[in-house]
Amino acid sequence: METTILNYHVVVEPDTYTGTDEPCFTAYCYELGIADGGDTIEEALERIKDAIECYESSPDEEKTSGTSIVLPSDNRTLTTGTVKMLIAQLGISVDEFLKLL
């Protein structure tokens, strides 16, 4: 599914939660290099909207898409798609990523 939120292109795909393999959905905003997920499409869209609003309210010097990572602050489980996107943004291997944890 594709849609526009706050003038940004957003793609939502079926996914699974990392560690549990429970089904979920991940919403990606490739323009800003952010992603978020939820149990439903609606929840994923609401969370990516919140993430976009957070990005837009950040000072310009912090808007370095693709070079910084903001993880959920409410202890949610990251989706597999989000983890893959983080690894791609960092430009490192999965093994290198795991060493960061």
PDB file of N, CA and C in Angstrom:
ATOM      1  N   MET A   1       0.845  -1.180   0.000  1.00  0.00           N
ATOM      2  CA  MET A   1       0.000   0.000   0.000  1.00  0.00           C
ATOM      3  C   MET A   1       0.884   1.234   0.000  1.00  0.00           C
ATOM      4  N   GLU A   2       0.522   2.234  -0.756  1.00  0.00           N
ATOM      5  CA  GLU A   2       1.246   3.495  -0.795  1.00  0.00           C
ATOM      6  C   GLU A   2       0.287   4.633  -0.517  1.00  0.00           C
ATOM      7  N   THR A   3       0.769   5.645   0.189  1.00  0.00           N
ATOM      8  CA  THR A   3      -0.052   6.807   0.513  1.00  0.00           C
ATOM      9  C   THR A   3       0.864   8.006   0.735  1.00  0.00           C
ATOM     10  N   THR A   4       0.273   9.160   0.966  1.00  0.00           N
ATOM     11  CA  THR A   4       1.029  10.368   1.264  1.00  0.00           C
ATOM     12  C   THR A   4       0.594  10.867   2.638  1.00  0.00           C
ATOM     13  N   ILE A   5       1.593  11.130   3.490  1.00  0.00           N
ATOM     14  CA  ILE A   5       1.332  11.665   4.824  1.00  0.00           C
ATOM     15  C   ILE A   5       2.186  12.907   4.993  1.00  0.00           C
ATOM     16  N   LEU A   6       1.554  14.019   5.309  1.00  0.00           N
ATOM     17  CA  LEU A   6       2.260  15.291   5.509  1.00  0.00           C
ATOM     18  C   LEU A   6       3.202  15.585   4.340  1.00  0.00           C
ATOM     19  N   ASN A   7       2.719  15.345   3.124  1.00  0.00           N
ATOM     20  CA  ASN A   7       3.460  15.592   1.887  1.00  0.00           C
ATOM     21  C   ASN A   7       4.651  14.665   1.667  1.00  0.00           C
ATOM     22  N   TYR A   8       4.721  13.550   2.369  1.00  0.00           N
ATOM     23  CA  TYR A   8       5.789  12.562   2.175  1.00  0.00           C
ATOM     24  C   TYR A   8       5.172  11.254   1.697  1.00  0.00           C
ATOM     25  N   HIS A   9       5.875  10.604   0.775  1.00  0.00           N
ATOM     26  CA  HIS A   9       5.449   9.315   0.240  1.00  0.00           C
ATOM     27  C   HIS A   9       5.727   8.236   1.288  1.00  0.00           C
ATOM     28  N   VAL A  10       4.722   7.432   1.610  1.00  0.00           N
ATOM     29  CA  VAL A  10       4.843   6.371   2.607  1.00  0.00           C
ATOM     30  C   VAL A  10       4.409   5.044   1.991  1.00  0.00           C
ATOM     31  N   VAL A  11       5.206   4.008   2.230  1.00  0.00           N
ATOM     32  CA  VAL A  11       4.901   2.660   1.766  1.00  0.00           C
ATOM     33  C   VAL A  11       4.664   1.790   2.997  1.00  0.00           C
ATOM     34  N   VAL A  12       3.575   1.015   2.990  1.00  0.00           N
ATOM     35  CA  VAL A  12       3.270   0.096   4.083  1.00  0.00           C
ATOM     36  C   VAL A  12       3.317  -1.317   3.535  1.00  0.00           C
ATOM     37  N   GLU A  13       4.057  -2.182   4.241  1.00  0.00           N
ATOM     38  CA  GLU A  13       4.194  -3.569   3.813  1.00  0.00           C
ATOM     39  C   GLU A  13       3.927  -4.517   4.976  1.00  0.00           C
ATOM     40  N   PRO A  14       3.405  -5.709   4.674  1.00  0.00           N
ATOM     41  CA  PRO A  14       3.284  -6.724   5.723  1.00  0.00           C
ATOM     42  C   PRO A  14       4.681  -7.090   6.215  1.00  0.00           C
ATOM     43  N   ASP A  15       4.808  -7.417   7.499  1.00  0.00           N
ATOM     44  CA  ASP A  15       6.111  -7.689   8.090  1.00  0.00           C
ATOM     45  C   ASP A  15       5.914  -8.624   9.272  1.00  0.00           C
ATOM     46  N   THR A  16       6.985  -8.893   9.994  1.00  0.00           N
ATOM     47  CA  THR A  16       6.920  -9.655  11.239  1.00  0.00           C
ATOM     48  C   THR A  16       7.764  -8.952  12.280  1.00  0.00           C
ATOM     49  N   TYR A  17       7.369  -9.070  13.545  1.00  0.00           N
ATOM     50  CA  TYR A  17       8.156  -8.497  14.625  1.00  0.00           C
ATOM     51  C   TYR A  17       9.425  -9.309  14.821  1.00  0.00           C
ATOM     52  N   THR A  18      10.550  -8.630  14.984  1.00  0.00           N
ATOM     53  CA  THR A  18      11.828  -9.277  15.221  1.00  0.00           C
ATOM     54  C   THR A  18      11.772 -10.033  16.540  1.00  0.00           C
ATOM     55  N   GLY A  19      12.198 -11.282  16.510  1.00  0.00           N
ATOM     56  CA  GLY A  19      12.253 -12.076  17.724  1.00  0.00           C
ATOM     57  C   GLY A  19      11.020 -12.905  17.987  1.00  0.00           C
ATOM     58  N   THR A  20       9.862 -12.445  17.534  1.00  0.00           N
ATOM     59  CA  THR A  20       8.637 -13.199  17.800  1.00  0.00           C
ATOM     60  C   THR A  20       8.005 -13.751  16.523  1.00  0.00           C
ATOM     61  N   ASP A  21       8.370 -13.178  15.395  1.00  0.00           N
ATOM     62  CA  ASP A  21       7.784 -13.533  14.099  1.00  0.00           C
ATOM     63  C   ASP A  21       6.265 -13.345  14.061  1.00  0.00           C
ATOM     64  N   GLU A  22       5.734 -12.521  14.980  1.00  0.00           N
ATOM     65  CA  GLU A  22       4.316 -12.175  14.965  1.00  0.00           C
ATOM     66  C   GLU A  22       4.052 -11.266  13.762  1.00  0.00           C
ATOM     67  N   PRO A  23       2.935 -11.430  13.076  1.00  0.00           N
ATOM     68  CA  PRO A  23       2.642 -10.579  11.917  1.00  0.00           C
ATOM     69  C   PRO A  23       2.381  -9.130  12.332  1.00  0.00           C
ATOM     70  N   CYS A  24       2.788  -8.227  11.461  1.00  0.00           N
ATOM     71  CA  CYS A  24       2.576  -6.797  11.687  1.00  0.00           C
ATOM     72  C   CYS A  24       2.697  -6.077  10.347  1.00  0.00           C
ATOM     73  N   PHE A  25       2.747  -4.755  10.389  1.00  0.00           N
ATOM     74  CA  PHE A  25       2.938  -3.937   9.191  1.00  0.00           C
ATOM     75  C   PHE A  25       4.010  -2.907   9.475  1.00  0.00           C
ATOM     76  N   THR A  26       4.846  -2.631   8.478  1.00  0.00           N
ATOM     77  CA  THR A  26       5.875  -1.606   8.602  1.00  0.00           C
ATOM     78  C   THR A  26       5.603  -0.515   7.584  1.00  0.00           C
ATOM     79  N   ALA A  27       5.648   0.735   8.050  1.00  0.00           N
ATOM     80  CA  ALA A  27       5.479   1.904   7.176  1.00  0.00           C
ATOM     81  C   ALA A  27       6.845   2.546   6.994  1.00  0.00           C
ATOM     82  N   TYR A  28       7.216   2.812   5.741  1.00  0.00           N
ATOM     83  CA  TYR A  28       8.499   3.401   5.401  1.00  0.00           C
ATOM     84  C   TYR A  28       8.295   4.777   4.787  1.00  0.00           C
ATOM     85  N   CYS A  29       9.097   5.733   5.199  1.00  0.00           N
ATOM     86  CA  CYS A  29       9.194   7.020   4.530  1.00  0.00           C
ATOM     87  C   CYS A  29      10.642   7.131   4.061  1.00  0.00           C
ATOM     88  N   TYR A  30      10.888   6.677   2.840  1.00  0.00           N
ATOM     89  CA  TYR A  30      12.246   6.609   2.321  1.00  0.00           C
ATOM     90  C   TYR A  30      12.870   7.992   2.170  1.00  0.00           C
ATOM     91  N   GLU A  31      12.051   9.003   1.886  1.00  0.00           N
ATOM     92  CA  GLU A  31      12.570  10.365   1.721  1.00  0.00           C
ATOM     93  C   GLU A  31      13.297  10.849   2.969  1.00  0.00           C
ATOM     94  N   LEU A  32      12.779  10.467   4.131  1.00  0.00           N
ATOM     95  CA  LEU A  32      13.367  10.914   5.392  1.00  0.00           C
ATOM     96  C   LEU A  32      14.231   9.842   6.040  1.00  0.00           C
ATOM     97  N   GLY A  33      14.184   8.624   5.516  1.00  0.00           N
ATOM     98  CA  GLY A  33      14.961   7.538   6.087  1.00  0.00           C
ATOM     99  C   GLY A  33      14.410   7.048   7.409  1.00  0.00           C
ATOM    100  N   ILE A  34      13.085   7.051   7.558  1.00  0.00           N
ATOM    101  CA  ILE A  34      12.479   6.592   8.803  1.00  0.00           C
ATOM    102  C   ILE A  34      11.443   5.512   8.524  1.00  0.00           C
ATOM    103  N   ALA A  35      11.202   4.707   9.531  1.00  0.00           N
ATOM    104  CA  ALA A  35      10.197   3.644   9.432  1.00  0.00           C
ATOM    105  C   ALA A  35       9.615   3.415  10.810  1.00  0.00           C
ATOM    106  N   ASP A  36       8.415   2.889  10.839  1.00  0.00           N
ATOM    107  CA  ASP A  36       7.784   2.499  12.095  1.00  0.00           C
ATOM    108  C   ASP A  36       6.739   1.453  11.759  1.00  0.00           C
ATOM    109  N   GLY A  37       6.248   0.763  12.743  1.00  0.00           N
ATOM    110  CA  GLY A  37       5.316  -0.317  12.468  1.00  0.00           C
ATOM    111  C   GLY A  37       4.204  -0.398  13.472  1.00  0.00           C
ATOM    112  N   GLY A  38       3.298  -1.336  13.218  1.00  0.00           N
ATOM    113  CA  GLY A  38       2.181  -1.563  14.112  1.00  0.00           C
ATOM    114  C   GLY A  38       1.489  -2.870  13.792  1.00  0.00           C
ATOM    115  N   ASP A  39       0.573  -3.242  14.649  1.00  0.00           N
ATOM    116  CA  ASP A  39      -0.160  -4.489  14.458  1.00  0.00           C
ATOM    117  C   ASP A  39      -1.101  -4.418  13.263  1.00  0.00           C
ATOM    118  N   THR A  40      -1.557  -3.216  12.927  1.00  0.00           N
ATOM    119  CA  THR A  40      -2.478  -3.018  11.800  1.00  0.00           C
ATOM    120  C   THR A  40      -1.900  -1.955  10.864  1.00  0.00           C
ATOM    121  N   ILE A  41      -2.458  -1.876   9.669  1.00  0.00           N
ATOM    122  CA  ILE A  41      -2.043  -0.827   8.732  1.00  0.00           C
ATOM    123  C   ILE A  41      -2.305   0.534   9.341  1.00  0.00           C
ATOM    124  N   GLU A  42      -3.456   0.696   9.954  1.00  0.00           N
ATOM    125  CA  GLU A  42      -3.815   1.986  10.552  1.00  0.00           C
ATOM    126  C   GLU A  42      -2.828   2.395  11.645  1.00  0.00           C
ATOM    127  N   GLU A  43      -2.432   1.432  12.485  1.00  0.00           N
ATOM    128  CA  GLU A  43      -1.484   1.719  13.562  1.00  0.00           C
ATOM    129  C   GLU A  43      -0.112   2.082  12.992  1.00  0.00           C
ATOM    130  N   ALA A  44       0.332   1.367  11.964  1.00  0.00           N
ATOM    131  CA  ALA A  44       1.610   1.676  11.327  1.00  0.00           C
ATOM    132  C   ALA A  44       1.581   3.078  10.721  1.00  0.00           C
ATOM    133  N   LEU A  45       0.468   3.449  10.087  1.00  0.00           N
ATOM    134  CA  LEU A  45       0.347   4.784   9.494  1.00  0.00           C
ATOM    135  C   LEU A  45       0.338   5.869  10.560  1.00  0.00           C
ATOM    136  N   GLU A  46      -0.343   5.632  11.657  1.00  0.00           N
ATOM    137  CA  GLU A  46      -0.378   6.617  12.747  1.00  0.00           C
ATOM    138  C   GLU A  46       1.016   6.809  13.343  1.00  0.00           C
ATOM    139  N   ARG A  47       1.749   5.709  13.514  1.00  0.00           N
ATOM    140  CA  ARG A  47       3.100   5.802  14.085  1.00  0.00           C
ATOM    141  C   ARG A  47       4.082   6.478  13.133  1.00  0.00           C
ATOM    142  N   ILE A  48       3.970   6.206  11.824  1.00  0.00           N
ATOM    143  CA  ILE A  48       4.888   6.871  10.891  1.00  0.00           C
ATOM    144  C   ILE A  48       4.540   8.356  10.803  1.00  0.00           C
ATOM    145  N   LYS A  49       3.261   8.692  10.942  1.00  0.00           N
ATOM    146  CA  LYS A  49       2.873  10.105  10.958  1.00  0.00           C
ATOM    147  C   LYS A  49       3.519  10.792  12.162  1.00  0.00           C
ATOM    148  N   ASP A  50       3.469  10.141  13.330  1.00  0.00           N
ATOM    149  CA  ASP A  50       4.116  10.695  14.521  1.00  0.00           C
ATOM    150  C   ASP A  50       5.626  10.858  14.303  1.00  0.00           C
ATOM    151  N   ALA A  51       6.241   9.862  13.651  1.00  0.00           N
ATOM    152  CA  ALA A  51       7.679   9.926  13.390  1.00  0.00           C
ATOM    153  C   ALA A  51       8.022  11.068  12.434  1.00  0.00           C
ATOM    154  N   ILE A  52       7.183  11.272  11.419  1.00  0.00           N
ATOM    155  CA  ILE A  52       7.403  12.375  10.475  1.00  0.00           C
ATOM    156  C   ILE A  52       7.253  13.712  11.192  1.00  0.00           C
ATOM    157  N   GLU A  53       6.234  13.829  12.038  1.00  0.00           N
ATOM    158  CA  GLU A  53       6.049  15.074  12.795  1.00  0.00           C
ATOM    159  C   GLU A  53       7.237  15.326  13.722  1.00  0.00           C
ATOM    160  N   CYS A  54       7.760  14.272  14.332  1.00  0.00           N
ATOM    161  CA  CYS A  54       8.936  14.403  15.197  1.00  0.00           C
ATOM    162  C   CYS A  54      10.134  14.869  14.378  1.00  0.00           C
ATOM    163  N   TYR A  55      10.313  14.290  13.195  1.00  0.00           N
ATOM    164  CA  TYR A  55      11.410  14.691  12.315  1.00  0.00           C
ATOM    165  C   TYR A  55      11.273  16.159  11.928  1.00  0.00           C
ATOM    166  N   GLU A  56      10.067  16.553  11.530  1.00  0.00           N
ATOM    167  CA  GLU A  56       9.849  17.936  11.094  1.00  0.00           C
ATOM    168  C   GLU A  56      10.074  18.940  12.215  1.00  0.00           C
ATOM    169  N   SER A  57       9.832  18.526  13.463  1.00  0.00           N
ATOM    170  CA  SER A  57      10.005  19.451  14.584  1.00  0.00           C
ATOM    171  C   SER A  57      11.446  19.469  15.113  1.00  0.00           C
ATOM    172  N   SER A  58      12.305  18.596  14.578  1.00  0.00           N
ATOM    173  CA  SER A  58      13.705  18.554  15.003  1.00  0.00           C
ATOM    174  C   SER A  58      14.464  19.745  14.434  1.00  0.00           C
ATOM    175  N   PRO A  59      15.481  20.224  15.160  1.00  0.00           N
ATOM    176  CA  PRO A  59      16.326  21.297  14.613  1.00  0.00           C
ATOM    177  C   PRO A  59      16.994  20.832  13.325  1.00  0.00           C
ATOM    178  N   ASP A  60      17.223  21.747  12.396  1.00  0.00           N
ATOM    179  CA  ASP A  60      17.802  21.398  11.097  1.00  0.00           C
ATOM    180  C   ASP A  60      19.120  20.643  11.220  1.00  0.00           C
ATOM    181  N   GLU A  61      19.955  20.986  12.200  1.00  0.00           N
ATOM    182  CA  GLU A  61      21.259  20.323  12.313  1.00  0.00           C
ATOM    183  C   GLU A  61      21.115  18.848  12.707  1.00  0.00           C
ATOM    184  N   GLU A  62      19.944  18.449  13.186  1.00  0.00           N
ATOM    185  CA  GLU A  62      19.708  17.051  13.525  1.00  0.00           C
ATOM    186  C   GLU A  62      19.072  16.282  12.370  1.00  0.00           C
ATOM    187  N   LYS A  63      18.718  16.967  11.301  1.00  0.00           N
ATOM    188  CA  LYS A  63      18.064  16.322  10.165  1.00  0.00           C
ATOM    189  C   LYS A  63      19.118  15.825   9.188  1.00  0.00           C
ATOM    190  N   THR A  64      19.731  14.745   9.539  1.00  0.00           N
ATOM    191  CA  THR A  64      20.760  14.135   8.702  1.00  0.00           C
ATOM    192  C   THR A  64      20.279  12.761   8.292  1.00  0.00           C
ATOM    193  N   SER A  65      19.253  12.721   7.479  1.00  0.00           N
ATOM    194  CA  SER A  65      18.625  11.472   7.062  1.00  0.00           C
ATOM    195  C   SER A  65      19.665  10.464   6.608  1.00  0.00           C
ATOM    196  N   GLY A  66      19.552   9.258   7.140  1.00  0.00           N
ATOM    197  CA  GLY A  66      20.439   8.186   6.745  1.00  0.00           C
ATOM    198  C   GLY A  66      21.705   8.101   7.571  1.00  0.00           C
ATOM    199  N   THR A  67      21.978   9.078   8.434  1.00  0.00           N
ATOM    200  CA  THR A  67      23.197   9.009   9.220  1.00  0.00           C
ATOM    201  C   THR A  67      22.940   8.934  10.711  1.00  0.00           C
ATOM    202  N   SER A  68      21.715   9.121  11.135  1.00  0.00           N
ATOM    203  CA  SER A  68      21.389   8.979  12.549  1.00  0.00           C
ATOM    204  C   SER A  68      20.162   8.093  12.668  1.00  0.00           C
ATOM    205  N   ILE A  69      20.039   7.458  13.817  1.00  0.00           N
ATOM    206  CA  ILE A  69      18.953   6.522  14.028  1.00  0.00           C
ATOM    207  C   ILE A  69      18.221   6.894  15.299  1.00  0.00           C
ATOM    208  N   VAL A  70      16.896   6.991  15.217  1.00  0.00           N
ATOM    209  CA  VAL A  70      16.078   7.227  16.392  1.00  0.00           C
ATOM    210  C   VAL A  70      15.236   5.982  16.605  1.00  0.00           C
ATOM    211  N   LEU A  71      15.404   5.339  17.748  1.00  0.00           N
ATOM    212  CA  LEU A  71      14.652   4.134  18.056  1.00  0.00           C
ATOM    213  C   LEU A  71      13.422   4.491  18.872  1.00  0.00           C
ATOM    214  N   PRO A  72      12.385   3.667  18.814  1.00  0.00           N
ATOM    215  CA  PRO A  72      11.175   3.952  19.588  1.00  0.00           C
ATOM    216  C   PRO A  72      11.502   4.108  21.069  1.00  0.00           C
ATOM    217  N   SER A  73      10.890   5.086  21.706  1.00  0.00           N
ATOM    218  CA  SER A  73      11.159   5.334  23.118  1.00  0.00           C
ATOM    219  C   SER A  73      10.190   4.600  24.034  1.00  0.00           C
ATOM    220  N   ASP A  74       9.223   3.907  23.459  1.00  0.00           N
ATOM    221  CA  ASP A  74       8.230   3.237  24.293  1.00  0.00           C
ATOM    222  C   ASP A  74       8.434   1.723  24.359  1.00  0.00           C
ATOM    223  N   ASN A  75       9.673   1.286  24.117  1.00  0.00           N
ATOM    224  CA  ASN A  75      10.056  -0.121  24.254  1.00  0.00           C
ATOM    225  C   ASN A  75       9.274  -1.073  23.358  1.00  0.00           C
ATOM    226  N   ARG A  76       8.787  -0.582  22.227  1.00  0.00           N
ATOM    227  CA  ARG A  76       8.120  -1.466  21.279  1.00  0.00           C
ATOM    228  C   ARG A  76       9.159  -2.362  20.622  1.00  0.00           C
ATOM    229  N   THR A  77       8.717  -3.500  20.143  1.00  0.00           N
ATOM    230  CA  THR A  77       9.573  -4.395  19.394  1.00  0.00           C
ATOM    231  C   THR A  77       9.726  -3.847  17.982  1.00  0.00           C
ATOM    232  N   LEU A  78      10.950  -3.799  17.492  1.00  0.00           N
ATOM    233  CA  LEU A  78      11.195  -3.341  16.129  1.00  0.00           C
ATOM    234  C   LEU A  78      10.768  -4.424  15.144  1.00  0.00           C
ATOM    235  N   THR A  79      10.234  -4.018  14.007  1.00  0.00           N
ATOM    236  CA  THR A  79       9.870  -4.984  12.981  1.00  0.00           C
ATOM    237  C   THR A  79      11.108  -5.396  12.206  1.00  0.00           C
ATOM    238  N   THR A  80      11.024  -6.539  11.549  1.00  0.00           N
ATOM    239  CA  THR A  80      12.125  -7.020  10.728  1.00  0.00           C
ATOM    240  C   THR A  80      12.467  -5.994   9.651  1.00  0.00           C
ATOM    241  N   GLY A  81      11.440  -5.414   9.029  1.00  0.00           N
ATOM    242  CA  GLY A  81      11.670  -4.414   7.986  1.00  0.00           C
ATOM    243  C   GLY A  81      12.402  -3.195   8.506  1.00  0.00           C
ATOM    244  N   THR A  82      12.069  -2.764   9.729  1.00  0.00           N
ATOM    245  CA  THR A  82      12.747  -1.614  10.319  1.00  0.00           C
ATOM    246  C   THR A  82      14.213  -1.935  10.568  1.00  0.00           C
ATOM    247  N   VAL A  83      14.483  -3.127  11.077  1.00  0.00           N
ATOM    248  CA  VAL A  83      15.866  -3.527  11.334  1.00  0.00           C
ATOM    249  C   VAL A  83      16.650  -3.580  10.023  1.00  0.00           C
ATOM    250  N   LYS A  84      16.048  -4.138   8.981  1.00  0.00           N
ATOM    251  CA  LYS A  84      16.725  -4.189   7.671  1.00  0.00           C
ATOM    252  C   LYS A  84      17.009  -2.784   7.158  1.00  0.00           C
ATOM    253  N   MET A  85      16.071  -1.862   7.357  1.00  0.00           N
ATOM    254  CA  MET A  85      16.267  -0.490   6.901  1.00  0.00           C
ATOM    255  C   MET A  85      17.398   0.179   7.686  1.00  0.00           C
ATOM    256  N   LEU A  86      17.469  -0.066   8.989  1.00  0.00           N
ATOM    257  CA  LEU A  86      18.540   0.506   9.806  1.00  0.00           C
ATOM    258  C   LEU A  86      19.898   0.014   9.325  1.00  0.00           C
ATOM    259  N   ILE A  87      19.998  -1.277   9.062  1.00  0.00           N
ATOM    260  CA  ILE A  87      21.260  -1.849   8.590  1.00  0.00           C
ATOM    261  C   ILE A  87      21.654  -1.238   7.251  1.00  0.00           C
ATOM    262  N   ALA A  88      20.685  -1.097   6.355  1.00  0.00           N
ATOM    263  CA  ALA A  88      20.962  -0.500   5.045  1.00  0.00           C
ATOM    264  C   ALA A  88      21.422   0.946   5.185  1.00  0.00           C
ATOM    265  N   GLN A  89      20.773   1.709   6.080  1.00  0.00           N
ATOM    266  CA  GLN A  89      21.150   3.108   6.273  1.00  0.00           C
ATOM    267  C   GLN A  89      22.555   3.237   6.838  1.00  0.00           C
ATOM    268  N   LEU A  90      22.922   2.315   7.710  1.00  0.00           N
ATOM    269  CA  LEU A  90      24.252   2.356   8.301  1.00  0.00           C
ATOM    270  C   LEU A  90      25.329   1.902   7.323  1.00  0.00           C
ATOM    271  N   GLY A  91      24.927   1.153   6.311  1.00  0.00           N
ATOM    272  CA  GLY A  91      25.889   0.663   5.328  1.00  0.00           C
ATOM    273  C   GLY A  91      26.827  -0.379   5.907  1.00  0.00           C
ATOM    274  N   ILE A  92      26.312  -1.209   6.813  1.00  0.00           N
ATOM    275  CA  ILE A  92      27.135  -2.231   7.451  1.00  0.00           C
ATOM    276  C   ILE A  92      26.485  -3.592   7.263  1.00  0.00           C
ATOM    277  N   SER A  93      27.220  -4.648   7.622  1.00  0.00           N
ATOM    278  CA  SER A  93      26.679  -6.000   7.517  1.00  0.00           C
ATOM    279  C   SER A  93      25.816  -6.301   8.734  1.00  0.00           C
ATOM    280  N   VAL A  94      25.053  -7.379   8.642  1.00  0.00           N
ATOM    281  CA  VAL A  94      24.217  -7.797   9.758  1.00  0.00           C
ATOM    282  C   VAL A  94      25.095  -8.106  10.969  1.00  0.00           C
ATOM    283  N   ASP A  95      26.241  -8.768  10.744  1.00  0.00           N
ATOM    284  CA  ASP A  95      27.153  -9.097  11.857  1.00  0.00           C
ATOM    285  C   ASP A  95      27.667  -7.838  12.537  1.00  0.00           C
ATOM    286  N   GLU A  96      28.013  -6.814  11.745  1.00  0.00           N
ATOM    287  CA  GLU A  96      28.473  -5.546  12.322  1.00  0.00           C
ATOM    288  C   GLU A  96      27.362  -4.878  13.123  1.00  0.00           C
ATOM    289  N   PHE A  97      26.135  -4.957  12.601  1.00  0.00           N
ATOM    290  CA  PHE A  97      24.994  -4.389  13.307  1.00  0.00           C
ATOM    291  C   PHE A  97      24.786  -5.074  14.649  1.00  0.00           C
ATOM    292  N   LEU A  98      24.860  -6.399  14.656  1.00  0.00           N
ATOM    293  CA  LEU A  98      24.648  -7.163  15.891  1.00  0.00           C
ATOM    294  C   LEU A  98      25.695  -6.813  16.953  1.00  0.00           C
ATOM    295  N   LYS A  99      26.901  -6.484  16.521  1.00  0.00           N
ATOM    296  CA  LYS A  99      27.951  -6.097  17.468  1.00  0.00           C
ATOM    297  C   LYS A  99      27.620  -4.758  18.152  1.00  0.00           C
ATOM    298  N   LEU A 100      26.797  -3.945  17.498  1.00  0.00           N
ATOM    299  CA  LEU A 100      26.413  -2.640  18.071  1.00  0.00           C
ATOM    300  C   LEU A 100      25.400  -2.785  19.196  1.00  0.00           C
ATOM    301  N   LEU A 101      24.713  -3.926  19.233  1.00  0.00           N
ATOM    302  CA  LEU A 101      23.641  -4.106  20.232  1.00  0.00           C
ATOM    303  C   LEU A 101      24.194  -4.460  21.591  1.00  0.00           C
TER     304      LEU A 101
END
